Protein backbone atom coordinates (compact mmCIF):
# COMPACT_ATOMS: atom_id res chain seq x y z
CA MET A 1 0.00 0.00 0.00
CA ASP A 2 3.00 2.33 0.56
CA ASP A 3 3.60 2.65 -3.17
CA ILE A 4 0.10 4.16 -3.56
CA ILE A 5 -0.43 6.12 -0.32
CA ARG A 6 1.96 8.57 1.33
CA GLN A 7 1.67 10.54 4.56
CA THR A 8 2.07 14.32 4.65
CA LYS A 9 3.88 16.25 7.40
CA THR A 10 0.55 16.95 9.07
CA GLY A 11 -0.21 13.21 9.23
CA ARG A 12 -2.81 13.27 6.46
CA LEU A 13 -2.89 10.36 4.02
CA VAL A 14 -2.86 11.23 0.31
CA ILE A 15 -2.64 9.19 -2.88
CA ARG A 16 0.64 9.63 -4.76
CA SER A 17 0.33 11.96 -7.73
CA HIS A 18 0.93 9.45 -10.55
CA HIS A 19 -1.58 6.99 -9.06
CA ARG A 20 -4.05 9.83 -8.59
CA ARG A 21 -3.75 10.79 -12.25
CA ARG A 22 -4.40 7.19 -13.33
CA SER A 23 -7.35 6.95 -11.00
CA ILE A 24 -8.84 10.19 -12.31
CA ARG A 25 -8.49 8.96 -15.90
CA ALA A 26 -10.22 5.71 -14.93
CA ALA A 27 -12.99 7.68 -13.21
CA ILE A 28 -13.51 9.77 -16.35
CA MET A 29 -13.77 6.67 -18.55
CA THR A 30 -16.10 5.05 -16.02
CA SER A 31 -18.43 8.04 -16.07
CA ILE A 32 -18.37 8.20 -19.88
CA LEU A 33 -19.25 4.52 -20.29
CA HIS A 34 -21.85 4.66 -17.52
CA THR A 35 -23.66 7.63 -19.04
CA MET A 36 -23.48 6.13 -22.54
CA GLY A 37 -25.03 2.92 -21.21
CA CYS A 38 -27.74 4.83 -19.35
CA THR A 39 -28.47 6.94 -22.44
CA CYS A 40 -29.06 3.78 -24.47
CA LEU A 41 -30.93 1.76 -21.83
CA LEU A 42 -32.62 4.25 -19.50
CA ALA A 43 -33.25 7.52 -21.37
CA GLY A 44 -35.30 8.72 -24.34
CA ALA A 45 -35.06 5.50 -26.35
CA LEU A 46 -36.58 3.48 -23.49
CA GLN A 47 -39.38 6.00 -22.98
CA LEU A 48 -40.21 6.05 -26.69
CA TYR A 49 -40.20 2.24 -26.82
CA CYS A 50 -42.60 2.12 -23.88
CA LEU A 51 -44.83 4.71 -25.54
CA SER A 52 -44.90 2.54 -28.67
CA LEU A 53 -46.21 -0.29 -26.45
CA GLY A 54 -49.04 1.91 -25.17
CA ALA A 55 -47.62 3.25 -21.88
CA ASP A 56 -49.70 6.02 -20.28
CA ASP A 57 -48.61 9.09 -18.25
CA PHE A 58 -48.66 7.30 -14.91
CA PHE A 59 -46.56 4.37 -16.14
CA LEU A 60 -44.08 6.77 -17.76
CA GLY A 61 -43.71 8.61 -14.45
CA LEU A 62 -43.38 5.28 -12.59
CA LEU A 63 -40.71 4.07 -15.02
CA THR A 64 -38.69 7.28 -14.71
CA CYS A 65 -39.06 7.10 -10.93
CA SER A 66 -37.75 3.52 -10.90
CA ILE A 67 -34.50 4.66 -12.55
CA TRP A 68 -33.63 6.51 -9.33
CA ALA A 69 -35.86 4.70 -6.84
CA GLY A 70 -32.98 2.68 -5.40
CA ALA A 71 -31.68 5.80 -3.65
CA PRO A 72 -32.51 4.62 -0.07
CA PHE A 73 -30.30 1.57 -0.66
CA LEU A 74 -27.30 3.87 -0.86
CA LEU A 75 -27.41 3.78 2.94
CA LEU A 76 -26.76 0.02 2.86
CA GLY A 77 -23.54 0.80 1.03
CA ILE A 78 -22.14 2.65 4.06
CA SER A 79 -21.43 -0.51 6.06
CA LEU A 80 -20.29 -2.39 2.94
CA MET A 81 -17.93 0.46 2.06
CA ARG A 82 -16.36 0.33 5.53
CA ARG A 83 -16.05 -3.44 5.43
CA PHE A 84 -14.88 -4.14 1.87
CA GLY A 85 -13.63 -0.75 0.61
CA LYS A 86 -14.99 1.69 -1.93
CA ARG A 87 -13.53 0.12 -5.06
CA ARG A 88 -14.77 -3.41 -4.34
CA ILE A 89 -18.39 -2.39 -3.87
CA LEU A 90 -18.17 -0.22 -6.99
CA VAL A 91 -16.92 -3.15 -9.07
CA PHE A 92 -19.37 -5.76 -7.80
CA TRP A 93 -22.52 -3.83 -6.88
CA GLY A 94 -22.05 -0.93 -9.30
CA GLY A 95 -20.61 -2.84 -12.26
CA ILE A 96 -21.11 -6.59 -12.47
CA LEU A 97 -24.62 -7.00 -11.05
CA PRO A 98 -26.25 -4.07 -12.96
CA ALA A 99 -24.81 -5.40 -16.23
CA ILE A 100 -26.36 -8.82 -15.53
CA LEU A 101 -29.76 -7.35 -14.65
CA MET A 102 -30.01 -5.16 -17.75
CA ALA A 103 -29.00 -7.99 -20.10
CA GLY A 104 -32.61 -9.21 -20.00
CA ALA A 105 -33.93 -5.86 -21.25
CA VAL A 106 -31.94 -6.29 -24.47
CA VAL A 107 -33.95 -9.34 -25.59
CA LEU A 108 -37.43 -8.18 -24.53
CA PRO A 109 -38.14 -6.43 -27.89
CA VAL A 110 -37.36 -9.76 -29.59
CA PHE A 111 -39.85 -11.58 -27.36
CA GLY A 112 -42.45 -8.96 -28.13
CA HIS A 113 -41.91 -9.21 -31.88
CA MET A 114 -42.13 -13.00 -31.80
CA GLY A 115 -45.40 -12.82 -29.89
CA TRP A 116 -44.01 -14.69 -26.88
CA LEU A 117 -44.91 -11.82 -24.53
CA SER A 118 -47.70 -9.27 -24.64
CA SER A 119 -47.00 -5.53 -24.55
CA ARG A 120 -48.24 -5.35 -20.96
CA TRP A 121 -45.84 -8.04 -19.77
CA ILE A 122 -42.93 -6.40 -21.57
CA LEU A 123 -43.71 -3.12 -19.79
CA TYR A 124 -43.87 -4.89 -16.43
CA LEU A 125 -40.58 -6.73 -17.01
CA LEU A 126 -38.84 -3.56 -18.16
CA LEU A 127 -40.07 -1.80 -15.03
CA PHE A 128 -38.78 -4.63 -12.85
CA ALA A 129 -35.37 -4.71 -14.59
CA VAL A 130 -34.92 -0.94 -14.30
CA LEU A 131 -35.97 -0.93 -10.63
CA ALA A 132 -33.72 -3.88 -9.72
CA ARG A 133 -30.76 -2.24 -11.48
CA SER A 134 -31.43 0.99 -9.60
CA ILE A 135 -31.40 -0.78 -6.23
CA ILE A 136 -28.23 -2.77 -6.89
CA ASP A 137 -26.39 0.12 -8.53
CA SER A 138 -27.28 2.44 -5.64
CA ILE A 139 -25.55 0.14 -3.16
CA GLY A 140 -22.38 0.31 -5.24
CA ALA A 141 -22.71 4.05 -5.86
CA ALA A 142 -22.11 4.65 -2.14
CA GLY A 143 -18.39 4.47 -2.90
CA TRP A 144 -18.35 6.79 -5.92
CA PHE A 145 -18.12 10.28 -4.43
CA PRO A 146 -15.86 9.12 -1.55
CA VAL A 147 -13.43 7.75 -4.16
CA LEU A 148 -13.53 11.06 -6.02
CA GLN A 149 -12.95 12.94 -2.78
CA ASP A 150 -9.88 10.73 -2.17
CA ASN A 151 -8.39 11.71 -5.54
CA VAL A 152 -9.46 15.32 -6.21
CA PRO A 153 -7.57 18.16 -4.44
CA ALA A 154 -9.95 20.51 -2.60
CA ARG A 155 -8.50 23.65 -4.22
CA ILE A 156 -9.74 22.66 -7.71
CA THR A 157 -13.03 20.97 -6.88
CA GLY A 158 -15.19 23.25 -9.03
CA LYS A 159 -12.76 23.22 -11.97
CA PHE A 160 -12.39 19.44 -11.83
CA PHE A 161 -16.10 18.65 -11.73
CA GLY A 162 -16.74 21.18 -14.48
CA SER A 163 -14.29 19.35 -16.76
CA PHE A 164 -15.30 15.93 -15.43
CA ARG A 165 -18.95 16.42 -16.24
CA MET A 166 -18.13 17.99 -19.58
CA TYR A 167 -16.38 14.79 -20.70
CA TRP A 168 -19.34 12.53 -20.07
CA GLN A 169 -21.82 15.12 -21.36
CA CYS A 170 -19.90 15.05 -24.66
CA SER A 171 -20.34 11.29 -24.77
CA VAL A 172 -24.04 11.63 -23.95
CA LEU A 173 -24.48 14.20 -26.72
CA ALA A 174 -22.74 12.02 -29.29
CA THR A 175 -24.71 8.95 -28.17
CA THR A 176 -28.04 10.79 -28.23
CA LEU A 177 -27.44 12.19 -31.72
CA LEU A 178 -26.49 8.74 -33.02
CA ILE A 179 -29.61 7.23 -31.44
CA ALA A 180 -31.79 9.96 -32.97
CA TRP A 181 -30.26 9.36 -36.40
CA PHE A 182 -30.55 5.58 -36.05
CA LEU A 183 -34.15 5.52 -34.85
CA GLY A 184 -35.42 8.11 -37.33
CA LYS A 185 -39.19 8.20 -37.80
CA ASP A 186 -41.41 5.26 -36.76
CA PRO A 187 -38.52 2.94 -35.75
CA GLY A 188 -38.99 -0.83 -35.77
CA TRP A 189 -38.52 -3.11 -32.79
CA TRP A 190 -35.07 -4.26 -33.95
CA LYS A 191 -33.70 -0.70 -33.78
CA PHE A 192 -34.67 -0.42 -30.13
CA CYS A 193 -33.08 -3.81 -29.53
CA ALA A 194 -29.81 -2.65 -31.14
CA VAL A 195 -29.73 0.54 -29.03
CA PHE A 196 -30.28 -1.46 -25.84
CA ALA A 197 -27.49 -3.89 -26.83
CA VAL A 198 -24.98 -1.03 -27.22
CA GLY A 199 -25.90 0.17 -23.73
CA GLU A 200 -25.27 -3.30 -22.31
CA VAL A 201 -21.81 -3.41 -23.92
CA CYS A 202 -20.95 -0.06 -22.28
CA PHE A 203 -21.99 -1.42 -18.87
CA ILE A 204 -19.70 -4.43 -19.33
CA ILE A 205 -16.64 -2.40 -20.41
CA LYS A 206 -17.17 -0.04 -17.46
CA ILE A 207 -16.27 -2.86 -15.06
CA PHE A 208 -12.65 -2.94 -16.24
CA TYR A 209 -12.16 0.78 -15.53
CA LEU A 210 -13.76 0.52 -12.10
CA ARG A 211 -11.03 -1.94 -11.14
CA GLN A 212 -8.37 0.74 -11.81
CA LEU A 213 -9.67 3.25 -9.23
CA LYS A 214 -7.44 4.05 -6.26
CA GLU A 215 -8.70 4.81 -2.75
CA LYS A 216 -7.40 5.90 0.63
CA PRO A 217 -7.58 3.46 3.53
CA VAL A 218 -9.87 4.29 6.41
CA GLN A 219 -7.77 6.19 8.97
CA ASN A 220 -7.52 4.74 12.45
CA GLN A 221 -9.97 6.30 14.88
CA THR A 222 -10.01 6.16 18.66
CA THR A 223 -13.74 5.42 18.64
CA SER A 224 -15.77 3.13 16.42
CA PRO A 225 -17.32 4.84 13.35
CA PRO A 226 -20.97 5.90 13.67
CA SER A 227 -23.62 3.51 12.42
CA THR A 228 -25.81 4.26 9.43
CA TRP A 229 -28.62 5.52 11.67
CA GLN A 230 -26.20 7.67 13.68
CA THR A 231 -24.83 9.15 10.44
CA ILE A 232 -28.35 10.09 9.31
CA LYS A 233 -29.12 11.55 12.74
CA LEU A 234 -25.90 13.55 12.68
CA ALA A 235 -26.79 15.01 9.27
CA VAL A 236 -30.32 15.94 10.35
CA THR A 237 -29.29 17.53 13.66
CA ASN A 238 -26.64 19.71 12.01
CA ARG A 239 -28.42 22.94 11.06
CA GLU A 240 -26.51 23.73 7.85
CA MET A 241 -26.57 20.13 6.63
CA ARG A 242 -30.30 19.90 7.40
CA TYR A 243 -31.00 22.94 5.23
CA PHE A 244 -28.72 21.55 2.50
CA LEU A 245 -30.55 18.21 2.41
CA GLY A 246 -33.92 19.98 2.35
CA TYR A 247 -32.69 22.21 -0.45
CA ILE A 248 -31.55 19.26 -2.56
CA PHE A 249 -34.82 17.42 -2.02
CA ILE A 250 -37.15 20.28 -3.01
CA TYR A 251 -34.97 21.70 -5.77
CA ASN A 252 -34.58 18.40 -7.64
CA ILE A 253 -38.30 17.65 -7.43
CA ALA A 254 -39.06 21.09 -8.90
CA ALA A 255 -36.36 20.93 -11.59
CA PHE A 256 -36.90 17.32 -12.76
CA MET A 257 -40.64 16.71 -12.37
CA CYS A 258 -41.43 17.96 -15.90
CA LEU A 259 -38.55 16.37 -17.81
CA PRO A 260 -40.11 13.01 -18.87
CA PHE A 261 -43.49 14.60 -19.58
CA GLN A 262 -41.98 17.17 -21.89
CA ILE A 263 -41.19 14.20 -24.15
CA LYS A 264 -44.78 12.98 -23.84
CA TYR A 265 -46.10 16.50 -24.50
CA LEU A 266 -44.01 16.83 -27.67
CA LYS A 267 -45.22 13.40 -28.78
CA GLU A 268 -48.86 14.46 -28.31
CA LEU A 269 -48.21 17.65 -30.28
CA GLY A 270 -47.15 15.50 -33.23
CA TYR A 271 -43.35 15.67 -33.21
CA SER A 272 -41.48 12.57 -34.41
CA GLU A 273 -39.27 10.31 -32.31
CA GLY A 274 -36.14 11.47 -34.12
CA PHE A 275 -36.96 15.14 -33.54
CA ILE A 276 -37.63 14.55 -29.84
CA ILE A 277 -34.31 12.78 -29.27
CA PHE A 278 -32.47 15.45 -31.27
CA ALA A 279 -34.11 18.09 -29.06
CA THR A 280 -33.16 16.30 -25.83
CA SER A 281 -29.55 16.11 -27.04
CA THR A 282 -29.42 19.88 -26.46
CA ILE A 283 -29.34 19.06 -22.73
CA SER A 284 -25.87 17.62 -23.15
CA LEU A 285 -24.81 20.47 -25.45
CA GLY A 286 -25.80 23.11 -22.90
CA ALA A 287 -23.83 21.31 -20.20
CA ILE A 288 -20.76 20.94 -22.43
CA LEU A 289 -20.69 24.64 -23.25
CA SER A 290 -21.14 25.83 -19.67
CA LEU A 291 -19.69 23.33 -17.17
CA ARG A 292 -16.09 24.53 -17.22
CA TYR A 293 -17.24 28.13 -16.94
CA TRP A 294 -19.46 27.40 -13.91
CA GLY A 295 -16.66 25.40 -12.29
CA ARG A 296 -14.16 28.25 -12.58
CA LEU A 297 -16.78 30.77 -11.45
CA ALA A 298 -17.62 28.72 -8.35
CA ASP A 299 -13.93 28.27 -7.42
CA ARG A 300 -13.29 32.00 -7.78
CA PHE A 301 -16.39 33.54 -6.20
CA GLY A 302 -18.04 30.72 -4.24
CA ASN A 303 -21.40 28.97 -4.49
CA ARG A 304 -23.73 31.81 -3.52
CA SER A 305 -23.91 33.59 -6.86
CA VAL A 306 -24.03 30.33 -8.82
CA PHE A 307 -27.04 29.16 -6.81
CA ASN A 308 -28.90 32.45 -7.37
CA ILE A 309 -28.19 32.58 -11.10
CA SER A 310 -29.25 28.97 -11.58
CA HIS A 311 -32.57 29.52 -9.81
CA VAL A 312 -33.58 32.40 -12.05
CA GLY A 313 -32.49 30.51 -15.16
CA ILE A 314 -34.35 27.30 -14.28
CA ILE A 315 -37.57 29.22 -13.57
CA ILE A 316 -37.40 30.88 -17.00
CA ALA A 317 -36.46 27.66 -18.83
CA ILE A 318 -39.42 25.72 -17.39
CA ALA A 319 -42.04 28.49 -17.49
CA CYS A 320 -41.38 29.19 -21.18
CA TRP A 321 -42.69 25.71 -22.06
CA LEU A 322 -46.11 27.39 -21.83
CA LEU A 323 -45.30 28.90 -25.25
CA ILE A 324 -44.60 25.59 -27.00
CA GLY A 325 -46.98 24.44 -29.71
CA HIS A 326 -46.66 22.69 -33.08
CA ASN A 327 -45.17 25.30 -35.40
CA LEU A 328 -41.80 26.43 -36.73
CA PHE A 329 -41.15 28.83 -33.84
CA SER A 330 -41.87 26.11 -31.27
CA ALA A 331 -39.72 23.57 -33.10
CA ILE A 332 -36.73 25.92 -32.75
CA PHE A 333 -37.65 27.16 -29.29
CA VAL A 334 -37.73 23.60 -27.89
CA PHE A 335 -33.99 23.30 -28.56
CA VAL A 336 -33.39 26.65 -26.85
CA LEU A 337 -35.38 25.69 -23.74
CA TYR A 338 -33.68 22.30 -23.35
CA GLY A 339 -30.31 24.05 -23.69
CA LEU A 340 -31.18 26.77 -21.16
CA TRP A 341 -32.42 24.20 -18.66
CA SER A 342 -29.17 22.28 -19.04
CA VAL A 343 -26.96 25.36 -18.66
CA PHE A 344 -28.54 26.45 -15.38
CA GLN A 345 -28.97 22.91 -14.06
CA SER A 346 -25.23 22.40 -14.67
CA ALA A 347 -24.53 25.52 -12.61
CA ASN A 348 -26.65 24.26 -9.74
CA GLY A 349 -25.08 20.81 -9.87
CA ILE A 350 -21.57 22.29 -9.65
CA ALA A 351 -22.56 24.41 -6.64
CA GLN A 352 -24.21 21.45 -4.88
CA THR A 353 -21.22 19.15 -5.41
CA ARG A 354 -18.71 21.80 -4.43
CA TYR A 355 -20.52 22.58 -1.18
CA MET A 356 -20.89 18.87 -0.35
CA LEU A 357 -17.20 18.03 -0.82
CA HIS A 358 -16.09 21.12 1.12
CA ALA A 359 -18.57 20.73 3.99
CA VAL A 360 -18.09 16.98 4.59
CA PRO A 361 -14.74 16.01 6.20
CA GLU A 362 -12.73 13.09 4.79
CA THR A 363 -12.97 11.37 8.16
CA ASN A 364 -16.76 11.05 7.81
CA GLN A 365 -17.37 10.21 4.16
CA SER A 366 -20.56 8.38 5.12
CA MET A 367 -22.17 11.83 5.21
CA ILE A 368 -21.61 12.05 1.45
CA VAL A 369 -23.71 8.91 1.06
CA VAL A 370 -26.56 10.56 2.99
CA VAL A 371 -26.40 13.58 0.66
CA HIS A 372 -26.20 11.29 -2.37
CA THR A 373 -29.23 9.35 -1.11
CA THR A 374 -31.26 12.53 -0.79
CA LEU A 375 -30.19 13.55 -4.29
CA PHE A 376 -31.23 10.27 -5.92
CA LEU A 377 -34.43 9.98 -3.90
CA SER A 378 -35.60 13.46 -4.88
CA ILE A 379 -34.88 12.82 -8.58
CA ALA A 380 -36.78 9.52 -8.28
CA LEU A 381 -39.82 11.12 -6.69
CA ALA A 382 -39.89 14.05 -9.16
CA PRO A 383 -41.42 12.20 -12.16
CA LEU A 384 -43.74 10.24 -9.87
CA ILE A 385 -45.09 13.50 -8.45
CA GLY A 386 -45.30 14.94 -11.95
CA GLY A 387 -47.23 11.92 -13.20
CA LEU A 388 -49.59 12.12 -10.22
CA CYS A 389 -50.21 15.82 -10.92
CA LEU A 390 -51.01 15.08 -14.56
CA TRP A 391 -53.36 12.29 -13.52
CA LEU A 392 -55.20 14.58 -11.10
CA LEU A 393 -55.38 17.32 -13.76
CA SER A 394 -56.45 14.97 -16.57
CA GLU A 395 -59.85 16.68 -16.97
CA VAL A 396 -58.69 20.23 -16.21
CA GLN A 397 -58.38 22.81 -18.99
CA LEU A 398 -58.46 26.57 -18.46
CA GLN A 399 -59.84 28.73 -21.26
CA THR A 400 -60.24 32.42 -20.48
CA GLY A 401 -60.03 34.65 -23.53
CA ALA A 402 -56.53 34.52 -24.98
CA VAL A 403 -55.29 32.16 -22.24
CA ASN A 404 -55.62 28.45 -23.00
CA MET A 405 -53.88 26.17 -20.49
CA ASN A 406 -53.99 22.37 -20.42
CA ARG A 407 -52.71 19.97 -17.75
CA TYR A 408 -49.13 20.12 -19.08
CA HIS A 409 -49.12 23.92 -18.87
CA LEU A 410 -50.29 23.77 -15.25
CA LEU A 411 -47.52 21.28 -14.44
CA PHE A 412 -44.88 23.55 -15.99
CA LEU A 413 -46.23 26.53 -14.07
CA PHE A 414 -46.27 24.66 -10.75
CA SER A 415 -42.72 23.39 -11.28
CA SER A 416 -41.32 26.87 -11.98
CA LEU A 417 -43.07 28.36 -8.94
CA LEU A 418 -41.75 25.59 -6.68
CA ILE A 419 -38.15 26.68 -7.42
CA THR A 420 -38.72 29.75 -5.24
CA VAL A 421 -38.77 27.54 -2.12
CA PRO A 422 -35.16 26.26 -2.39
CA HIS A 423 -34.11 29.75 -3.48
CA CYS A 424 -35.08 30.97 -0.01
CA MET A 425 -33.37 27.99 1.68
CA HIS A 426 -29.88 28.13 0.19
CA LYS A 427 -28.91 31.20 2.25
CA HIS A 428 -28.76 29.01 5.37
CA PHE A 429 -25.84 26.82 4.26
CA GLN A 430 -23.48 29.18 2.47
CA ILE A 431 -19.72 29.14 2.97
CA ASP A 432 -18.22 32.31 4.47
CA ASN A 433 -16.40 34.93 2.38
CA GLU A 434 -18.37 34.34 -0.82
CA SER A 435 -18.95 37.13 -3.32
CA SER A 436 -22.46 38.51 -3.75
CA THR A 437 -24.49 37.86 -6.88
CA PHE A 438 -24.36 41.57 -7.74
CA GLU A 439 -20.55 41.59 -7.75
CA VAL A 440 -20.43 38.48 -9.93
CA PHE A 441 -23.02 39.99 -12.30
CA VAL A 442 -20.86 43.09 -12.75
CA ILE A 443 -17.79 40.96 -13.49
CA MET A 444 -19.74 38.75 -15.93
CA THR A 445 -20.99 41.81 -17.83
CA ARG A 446 -17.58 43.47 -17.96
CA PRO A 447 -17.12 42.74 -21.70
CA LEU A 448 -20.39 44.56 -22.41
CA ARG A 449 -19.36 47.50 -20.23
CA THR A 450 -16.07 47.68 -22.11
CA LEU A 451 -17.96 47.77 -25.39
CA PHE A 452 -20.82 50.14 -24.48
CA GLY A 453 -19.39 51.99 -21.49
CA ALA A 454 -19.98 51.57 -17.77
CA PHE A 455 -23.66 51.29 -16.92
CA VAL A 456 -23.27 49.77 -13.44
CA VAL A 457 -21.17 51.26 -10.68
CA LEU A 458 -19.88 48.74 -8.15
CA PRO A 459 -20.08 50.21 -4.62
CA LYS A 460 -16.80 50.44 -2.74
CA ARG A 461 -16.18 48.16 0.20
CA ARG A 462 -16.20 49.73 3.63
CA ASP A 463 -12.69 48.64 4.45
CA ASN A 464 -11.40 50.45 1.38
CA GLN A 465 -13.22 53.61 2.41
CA LYS A 466 -11.60 53.53 5.85
CA LYS A 467 -8.18 53.33 4.31
């Protein structure tokens, strides 16, 4: 172990630089392959295949929920992580078992085409496979962020995760565009089967890169580590962490509850499968173009301004779906709205991750699992709540003069209004000495002020005035 880990003068254990670089490269490849596999097996192609089998709004919400529904099982990974190590649970629970479970989904379109299974049974089996994969993968995912914390220096957290997420967003964009081109209009069953098979291959290759990750050993402690329940209790009783967990839970429900039903809404408006997948690929494009920028901004000025900017942007990106119809303007505007949502969601994700890795000490990485559990659970509940809202609003339609709002419009409006709740909460868990949003806005608009002249005067700090 000495050739991998060294001890600093302060007694802190760190991974040697060349091993850290290899581990980071392996983590990047792991994330690329994982997201490519999920794009093929768990994203738009799966939803469109289920819609072709006659899935309704509630089932679509239930299916999307099942992708993340294994979040509570992240807590089971805490004890396994302490017992077997982070890498071993990532390889077995996060690599081998999920690949085995999703292998069955590859052949289900064949069974349906041959008439061996009805459409209803295929939907049920797909739901079971996705849910089982989510549970098993969540147990293994308990070691993911602790491994990244072991390898990423704290001084470049924002910059690293900006670049890190940009890499796998590029792979998602390329994969989504290829899927859209391959499926085209009115795709046959064999095309869905081929897309699912590519995703399975990505899951299998990912296992070999997981084996290359490096981790720090658990440092000796005078007392036994807290149990899973004690870790949860510690997170809830800490005021800042309690607000942070509540923020994550409400924000993700508000930001993600509309996402699967935007696909259904576009389908009902008459857009083709290829167009819909091309439009959703803008999500990856927006992240690619903005992640590095948000990472550098967060490292330089802190999380406060990034949170505020992302809230305003997400509200606009969701509320503007009220303007979408079936015309040339809407066809172009859909791409813009998906891109805007991605840009500001990327900003919020960087701020969340940066705060989590700075607020949680390396000696208590189990706290990261609690945060990760809250994150996954909220994303899982978001489409379920969205589907329930659409079901309750199935007969509601508001027509008052020029205003014509259906159940999808009401869902978009509710989602955008709900963002205001976490906006009020994030002030309770900020890190000290962060720049205000106004200061960051002035710096961001500096190129415009150089071009058109100063139109905003930044007030002087008090300490400068005293001098």
